[in-house]
Amino acid sequence: MKNLLVNAIAAAAVLAVPVAVADEGRDLFMKSDCITCHAIDKKMVGPTFKDVAAKYRGDKSAENRLVEKVVKGGSGVWGTAAELPHPNMKEDDIRTLVQWILAQ
């Protein structure tokens, strides 16, 4: 058990996000419909989260823009596939999810 905690803390440090955010972001992803079109490192309908993180690395406005994109939906950045809108998701949950995605 201690090793699991140490590994989780080390992984979060590498990701530069708190362990709680990393765990909560992953849990939100697993419970959401995002899993239908996205994966961490495997191209599906939408981009991989590693590709999203790489594209926006160092962009200080990325988090807010991606939160808005998840809420409103959109297309054209990654091809013709559309990001479906998620107006009923809590903004705090979306922000946690986006922080987790950007930390990949």
C-alpha atoms as a PDB file:
ATOM      1  CA  MET A   1       0.000   0.000   0.000  1.00  0.00           C
ATOM      2  CA  LYS A   2       2.809   2.401   0.872  1.00  0.00           C
ATOM      3  CA  ASN A   3       4.428   1.749  -2.525  1.00  0.00           C
ATOM      4  CA  LEU A   4       1.158   2.599  -4.289  1.00  0.00           C
ATOM      5  CA  LEU A   5       0.989   5.927  -2.483  1.00  0.00           C
ATOM      6  CA  VAL A   6       4.631   6.703  -3.227  1.00  0.00           C
ATOM      7  CA  ASN A   7       4.097   5.831  -6.911  1.00  0.00           C
ATOM      8  CA  ALA A   8       0.968   7.993  -7.082  1.00  0.00           C
ATOM      9  CA  ILE A   9       2.772  10.947  -5.538  1.00  0.00           C
ATOM     10  CA  ALA A  10       5.739  10.493  -7.872  1.00  0.00           C
ATOM     11  CA  ALA A  11       3.467  10.253 -10.916  1.00  0.00           C
ATOM     12  CA  ALA A  12       1.618  13.415  -9.928  1.00  0.00           C
ATOM     13  CA  ALA A  13       4.908  15.246  -9.431  1.00  0.00           C
ATOM     14  CA  VAL A  14       5.973  14.273 -12.929  1.00  0.00           C
ATOM     15  CA  LEU A  15       2.616  15.474 -14.233  1.00  0.00           C
ATOM     16  CA  ALA A  16       2.976  18.714 -12.268  1.00  0.00           C
ATOM     17  CA  VAL A  17      -0.541  18.377 -10.872  1.00  0.00           C
ATOM     18  CA  PRO A  18      -1.610  17.503  -7.349  1.00  0.00           C
ATOM     19  CA  VAL A  19      -2.357  13.811  -6.762  1.00  0.00           C
ATOM     20  CA  ALA A  20      -5.993  14.637  -6.022  1.00  0.00           C
ATOM     21  CA  VAL A  21      -6.399  16.457  -9.352  1.00  0.00           C
ATOM     22  CA  ALA A  22      -4.684  13.628 -11.227  1.00  0.00           C
ATOM     23  CA  ASP A  23      -6.929  11.019  -9.609  1.00  0.00           C
ATOM     24  CA  GLU A  24     -10.071  13.115  -9.945  1.00  0.00           C
ATOM     25  CA  GLY A  25      -9.328  13.984 -13.582  1.00  0.00           C
ATOM     26  CA  ARG A  26      -8.789  10.342 -14.483  1.00  0.00           C
ATOM     27  CA  ASP A  27     -11.971   9.359 -12.633  1.00  0.00           C
ATOM     28  CA  LEU A  28     -13.997  12.061 -14.402  1.00  0.00           C
ATOM     29  CA  PHE A  29     -12.671  10.830 -17.746  1.00  0.00           C
ATOM     30  CA  MET A  30     -13.562   7.228 -16.986  1.00  0.00           C
ATOM     31  CA  LYS A  31     -17.131   8.209 -15.996  1.00  0.00           C
ATOM     32  CA  SER A  32     -17.748  10.631 -18.867  1.00  0.00           C
ATOM     33  CA  ASP A  33     -18.669  10.188 -22.493  1.00  0.00           C
ATOM     34  CA  CYS A  34     -15.205  11.556 -23.391  1.00  0.00           C
ATOM     35  CA  ILE A  35     -13.953   7.980 -23.300  1.00  0.00           C
ATOM     36  CA  THR A  36     -16.051   7.269 -26.414  1.00  0.00           C
ATOM     37  CA  CYS A  37     -13.864   9.457 -28.655  1.00  0.00           C
ATOM     38  CA  HIS A  38     -10.610  10.035 -26.759  1.00  0.00           C
ATOM     39  CA  ALA A  39      -7.810   8.046 -25.167  1.00  0.00           C
ATOM     40  CA  ILE A  40      -4.629   9.086 -23.411  1.00  0.00           C
ATOM     41  CA  ASP A  41      -2.230   7.779 -26.033  1.00  0.00           C
ATOM     42  CA  LYS A  42      -4.266   6.015 -28.745  1.00  0.00           C
ATOM     43  CA  LYS A  43      -5.830   7.930 -31.651  1.00  0.00           C
ATOM     44  CA  MET A  44      -9.566   7.403 -31.801  1.00  0.00           C
ATOM     45  CA  VAL A  45     -12.229   9.755 -33.191  1.00  0.00           C
ATOM     46  CA  GLY A  46     -10.643  12.692 -31.404  1.00  0.00           C
ATOM     47  CA  PRO A  47      -7.019  13.465 -30.613  1.00  0.00           C
ATOM     48  CA  THR A  48      -5.088  11.658 -27.909  1.00  0.00           C
ATOM     49  CA  PHE A  49      -4.760  13.547 -24.657  1.00  0.00           C
ATOM     50  CA  LYS A  50      -0.975  13.371 -25.009  1.00  0.00           C
ATOM     51  CA  ASP A  51      -1.298  15.164 -28.363  1.00  0.00           C
ATOM     52  CA  VAL A  52      -3.586  17.795 -26.822  1.00  0.00           C
ATOM     53  CA  ALA A  53      -1.131  18.347 -23.973  1.00  0.00           C
ATOM     54  CA  ALA A  54       1.794  18.658 -26.415  1.00  0.00           C
ATOM     55  CA  LYS A  55      -0.086  21.107 -28.669  1.00  0.00           C
ATOM     56  CA  TYR A  56      -0.964  23.440 -25.803  1.00  0.00           C
ATOM     57  CA  ARG A  57       2.184  23.067 -23.665  1.00  0.00           C
ATOM     58  CA  GLY A  58       3.270  26.512 -22.504  1.00  0.00           C
ATOM     59  CA  ASP A  59       0.046  28.180 -23.675  1.00  0.00           C
ATOM     60  CA  LYS A  60      -1.260  29.982 -20.607  1.00  0.00           C
ATOM     61  CA  SER A  61      -4.698  30.548 -22.149  1.00  0.00           C
ATOM     62  CA  ALA A  62      -5.181  26.894 -23.153  1.00  0.00           C
ATOM     63  CA  GLU A  63      -6.991  25.781 -20.008  1.00  0.00           C
ATOM     64  CA  ASN A  64      -9.732  28.395 -20.303  1.00  0.00           C
ATOM     65  CA  ARG A  65     -10.102  27.884 -24.064  1.00  0.00           C
ATOM     66  CA  LEU A  66     -10.351  24.108 -23.686  1.00  0.00           C
ATOM     67  CA  VAL A  67     -12.895  24.396 -20.872  1.00  0.00           C
ATOM     68  CA  GLU A  68     -14.994  26.560 -23.190  1.00  0.00           C
ATOM     69  CA  LYS A  69     -14.510  24.063 -26.055  1.00  0.00           C
ATOM     70  CA  VAL A  70     -15.760  21.199 -23.874  1.00  0.00           C
ATOM     71  CA  VAL A  71     -18.819  23.200 -22.802  1.00  0.00           C
ATOM     72  CA  LYS A  72     -19.737  24.558 -26.249  1.00  0.00           C
ATOM     73  CA  GLY A  73     -18.269  21.918 -28.550  1.00  0.00           C
ATOM     74  CA  GLY A  74     -16.582  22.717 -31.836  1.00  0.00           C
ATOM     75  CA  SER A  75     -14.501  21.376 -34.703  1.00  0.00           C
ATOM     76  CA  GLY A  76     -11.709  22.213 -37.086  1.00  0.00           C
ATOM     77  CA  VAL A  77      -8.689  22.146 -34.781  1.00  0.00           C
ATOM     78  CA  TRP A  78      -8.037  18.400 -35.090  1.00  0.00           C
ATOM     79  CA  GLY A  79      -9.801  17.674 -38.367  1.00  0.00           C
ATOM     80  CA  THR A  80     -13.446  17.351 -39.249  1.00  0.00           C
ATOM     81  CA  ALA A  81     -14.650  15.368 -36.225  1.00  0.00           C
ATOM     82  CA  ALA A  82     -16.704  17.556 -33.897  1.00  0.00           C
ATOM     83  CA  GLU A  83     -16.252  17.888 -30.157  1.00  0.00           C
ATOM     84  CA  LEU A  84     -19.775  17.457 -28.847  1.00  0.00           C
ATOM     85  CA  PRO A  85     -21.010  20.144 -26.441  1.00  0.00           C
ATOM     86  CA  HIS A  86     -21.272  19.293 -22.751  1.00  0.00           C
ATOM     87  CA  PRO A  87     -23.406  22.131 -21.358  1.00  0.00           C
ATOM     88  CA  ASN A  88     -24.661  20.033 -18.448  1.00  0.00           C
ATOM     89  CA  MET A  89     -21.227  19.158 -17.046  1.00  0.00           C
ATOM     90  CA  LYS A  90     -20.184  21.185 -14.019  1.00  0.00           C
ATOM     91  CA  GLU A  91     -17.535  23.737 -14.954  1.00  0.00           C
ATOM     92  CA  ASP A  92     -15.382  22.690 -11.982  1.00  0.00           C
ATOM     93  CA  ASP A  93     -15.428  19.094 -13.256  1.00  0.00           C
ATOM     94  CA  ILE A  94     -14.546  20.221 -16.774  1.00  0.00           C
ATOM     95  CA  ARG A  95     -11.695  22.354 -15.441  1.00  0.00           C
ATOM     96  CA  THR A  96     -10.324  19.412 -13.425  1.00  0.00           C
ATOM     97  CA  LEU A  97     -10.611  17.168 -16.493  1.00  0.00           C
ATOM     98  CA  VAL A  98      -8.842  19.735 -18.706  1.00  0.00           C
ATOM     99  CA  GLN A  99      -6.054  20.184 -16.140  1.00  0.00           C
ATOM    100  CA  TRP A 100      -5.581  16.415 -16.128  1.00  0.00           C
ATOM    101  CA  ILE A 101      -5.539  16.290 -19.944  1.00  0.00           C
ATOM    102  CA  LEU A 102      -2.980  19.094 -20.167  1.00  0.00           C
ATOM    103  CA  ALA A 103      -0.773  17.274 -17.652  1.00  0.00           C
ATOM    104  CA  GLN A 104      -0.378  14.199 -19.883  1.00  0.00           C
END
